[in-house]
Amino acid sequence: MLARPSTPVNQNDIAHYFEYSKSGLQVIEDGLKEIPFGEFMVEQGLVDRVQLFRALQMQDKYPGVRVGECAAALGYVQIGEVERLYDVWRGVATVEVA
């Protein structure tokens, strides 16, 4: 069960997700976004943002190599940690909006 926020929702807080039109409200952004694996590594504390940037730069030079592998090749993290976190990332529940 989801916990409800303790403070009431301010309509201005969510207004930027909607656009008004003659037909009512139109959704311009759904708020649900896929988290790239690199960002997930930063969120989980495996690498910092600078390390991610450098890994992405390396990935640009070697397009077939994954960002986690680049981070490991640069010595920021062990490949086993990347694989473990990748399994967690793949298991993150997602919602498809039709």
C-alpha atoms as a PDB file:
ATOM      1  CA  MET A   1       0.000   0.000   0.000  1.00  0.00           C
ATOM      2  CA  LEU A   2       1.330   3.449  -0.879  1.00  0.00           C
ATOM      3  CA  ALA A   3       1.668   6.016   1.867  1.00  0.00           C
ATOM      4  CA  ARG A   4      -0.152   9.272   1.297  1.00  0.00           C
ATOM      5  CA  PRO A   5       1.817  12.518   1.630  1.00  0.00           C
ATOM      6  CA  SER A   6       1.409  14.176   4.994  1.00  0.00           C
ATOM      7  CA  THR A   7       0.875  17.598   3.412  1.00  0.00           C
ATOM      8  CA  PRO A   8      -1.928  18.376   0.996  1.00  0.00           C
ATOM      9  CA  VAL A   9      -1.019  18.434  -2.681  1.00  0.00           C
ATOM     10  CA  ASN A  10      -0.622  21.942  -4.019  1.00  0.00           C
ATOM     11  CA  GLN A  11      -2.233  22.254  -7.456  1.00  0.00           C
ATOM     12  CA  ASN A  12       0.614  24.529  -8.588  1.00  0.00           C
ATOM     13  CA  ASP A  13       3.116  21.742  -7.837  1.00  0.00           C
ATOM     14  CA  ILE A  14       1.599  19.504 -10.508  1.00  0.00           C
ATOM     15  CA  ALA A  15       0.384  22.225 -12.888  1.00  0.00           C
ATOM     16  CA  HIS A  16       3.590  22.141 -14.940  1.00  0.00           C
ATOM     17  CA  TYR A  17       2.698  18.588 -16.088  1.00  0.00           C
ATOM     18  CA  PHE A  18      -0.467  19.817 -17.786  1.00  0.00           C
ATOM     19  CA  GLU A  19      -1.421  22.269 -20.486  1.00  0.00           C
ATOM     20  CA  TYR A  20      -4.844  23.877 -20.639  1.00  0.00           C
ATOM     21  CA  SER A  21      -6.846  23.779 -23.870  1.00  0.00           C
ATOM     22  CA  LYS A  22     -10.461  24.377 -24.925  1.00  0.00           C
ATOM     23  CA  SER A  23     -11.143  20.679 -24.501  1.00  0.00           C
ATOM     24  CA  GLY A  24      -9.806  20.649 -20.928  1.00  0.00           C
ATOM     25  CA  LEU A  25      -6.454  19.377 -19.673  1.00  0.00           C
ATOM     26  CA  GLN A  26      -3.902  17.827 -21.945  1.00  0.00           C
ATOM     27  CA  VAL A  27      -0.987  15.830 -20.567  1.00  0.00           C
ATOM     28  CA  ILE A  28       2.330  17.199 -21.828  1.00  0.00           C
ATOM     29  CA  GLU A  29       4.585  15.095 -19.592  1.00  0.00           C
ATOM     30  CA  ASP A  30       3.684  11.956 -17.662  1.00  0.00           C
ATOM     31  CA  GLY A  31       6.309  12.172 -14.924  1.00  0.00           C
ATOM     32  CA  LEU A  32       7.335   8.531 -15.396  1.00  0.00           C
ATOM     33  CA  LYS A  33      10.692   8.285 -17.089  1.00  0.00           C
ATOM     34  CA  GLU A  34      13.039   5.414 -17.718  1.00  0.00           C
ATOM     35  CA  ILE A  35      16.202   5.741 -15.684  1.00  0.00           C
ATOM     36  CA  PRO A  36      19.305   5.044 -17.764  1.00  0.00           C
ATOM     37  CA  PHE A  37      21.663   2.535 -16.178  1.00  0.00           C
ATOM     38  CA  GLY A  38      24.384   5.174 -15.779  1.00  0.00           C
ATOM     39  CA  GLU A  39      22.064   7.399 -13.758  1.00  0.00           C
ATOM     40  CA  PHE A  40      21.025   4.379 -11.714  1.00  0.00           C
ATOM     41  CA  MET A  41      24.701   3.730 -10.897  1.00  0.00           C
ATOM     42  CA  VAL A  42      24.970   7.326  -9.636  1.00  0.00           C
ATOM     43  CA  GLU A  43      21.739   7.048  -7.601  1.00  0.00           C
ATOM     44  CA  GLN A  44      22.998   3.849  -5.974  1.00  0.00           C
ATOM     45  CA  GLY A  45      26.371   5.421  -5.122  1.00  0.00           C
ATOM     46  CA  LEU A  46      28.407   3.082  -7.308  1.00  0.00           C
ATOM     47  CA  VAL A  47      29.990   6.002  -9.190  1.00  0.00           C
ATOM     48  CA  ASP A  48      29.774   9.762  -8.916  1.00  0.00           C
ATOM     49  CA  ARG A  49      28.568  12.076 -11.670  1.00  0.00           C
ATOM     50  CA  VAL A  50      32.108  12.937 -12.876  1.00  0.00           C
ATOM     51  CA  GLN A  51      32.994   9.257 -13.123  1.00  0.00           C
ATOM     52  CA  LEU A  52      29.784   8.619 -15.071  1.00  0.00           C
ATOM     53  CA  PHE A  53      30.654  11.446 -17.440  1.00  0.00           C
ATOM     54  CA  ARG A  54      34.106   9.985 -18.068  1.00  0.00           C
ATOM     55  CA  ALA A  55      32.621   6.520 -18.606  1.00  0.00           C
ATOM     56  CA  LEU A  56      30.167   8.003 -21.123  1.00  0.00           C
ATOM     57  CA  GLN A  57      33.047   9.740 -22.898  1.00  0.00           C
ATOM     58  CA  MET A  58      34.831   6.397 -23.153  1.00  0.00           C
ATOM     59  CA  GLN A  59      31.634   4.795 -24.436  1.00  0.00           C
ATOM     60  CA  ASP A  60      31.507   7.405 -27.216  1.00  0.00           C
ATOM     61  CA  LYS A  61      34.929   6.199 -28.368  1.00  0.00           C
ATOM     62  CA  TYR A  62      33.892   2.526 -28.141  1.00  0.00           C
ATOM     63  CA  PRO A  63      30.176   2.380 -29.074  1.00  0.00           C
ATOM     64  CA  GLY A  64      29.759  -1.375 -28.568  1.00  0.00           C
ATOM     65  CA  VAL A  65      30.907  -1.203 -24.945  1.00  0.00           C
ATOM     66  CA  ARG A  66      28.362  -0.708 -22.157  1.00  0.00           C
ATOM     67  CA  VAL A  67      28.679   2.204 -19.739  1.00  0.00           C
ATOM     68  CA  GLY A  68      29.156  -0.111 -16.750  1.00  0.00           C
ATOM     69  CA  GLU A  69      31.986  -1.873 -18.531  1.00  0.00           C
ATOM     70  CA  CYS A  70      33.567   1.517 -19.250  1.00  0.00           C
ATOM     71  CA  ALA A  71      33.319   2.473 -15.568  1.00  0.00           C
ATOM     72  CA  ALA A  72      35.007  -0.811 -14.646  1.00  0.00           C
ATOM     73  CA  ALA A  73      37.717  -0.379 -17.304  1.00  0.00           C
ATOM     74  CA  LEU A  74      38.472   3.070 -15.902  1.00  0.00           C
ATOM     75  CA  GLY A  75      38.925   1.505 -12.461  1.00  0.00           C
ATOM     76  CA  TYR A  76      35.974   3.203 -10.770  1.00  0.00           C
ATOM     77  CA  VAL A  77      34.200  -0.019  -9.856  1.00  0.00           C
ATOM     78  CA  GLN A  78      34.628  -3.789 -10.025  1.00  0.00           C
ATOM     79  CA  ILE A  79      32.831  -5.501 -12.908  1.00  0.00           C
ATOM     80  CA  GLY A  80      31.097  -7.824 -10.431  1.00  0.00           C
ATOM     81  CA  GLU A  81      29.492  -4.821  -8.728  1.00  0.00           C
ATOM     82  CA  VAL A  82      28.318  -3.529 -12.105  1.00  0.00           C
ATOM     83  CA  GLU A  83      26.763  -6.895 -12.961  1.00  0.00           C
ATOM     84  CA  ARG A  84      25.052  -7.123  -9.566  1.00  0.00           C
ATOM     85  CA  LEU A  85      23.626  -3.606  -9.908  1.00  0.00           C
ATOM     86  CA  TYR A  86      22.588  -4.288 -13.502  1.00  0.00           C
ATOM     87  CA  ASP A  87      20.501  -7.236 -12.292  1.00  0.00           C
ATOM     88  CA  VAL A  88      18.846  -4.933  -9.742  1.00  0.00           C
ATOM     89  CA  TRP A  89      18.230  -2.271 -12.424  1.00  0.00           C
ATOM     90  CA  ARG A  90      16.657  -4.833 -14.769  1.00  0.00           C
ATOM     91  CA  GLY A  91      14.332  -5.865 -11.946  1.00  0.00           C
ATOM     92  CA  VAL A  92      13.050  -2.333 -11.313  1.00  0.00           C
ATOM     93  CA  ALA A  93       9.326  -2.303 -11.964  1.00  0.00           C
ATOM     94  CA  THR A  94       8.299  -0.190 -14.934  1.00  0.00           C
ATOM     95  CA  VAL A  95       4.963   0.979 -16.225  1.00  0.00           C
ATOM     96  CA  GLU A  96       4.176   1.233 -19.923  1.00  0.00           C
ATOM     97  CA  VAL A  97       1.756   3.987 -20.869  1.00  0.00           C
ATOM     98  CA  ALA A  98      -0.199   3.219 -24.018  1.00  0.00           C
END
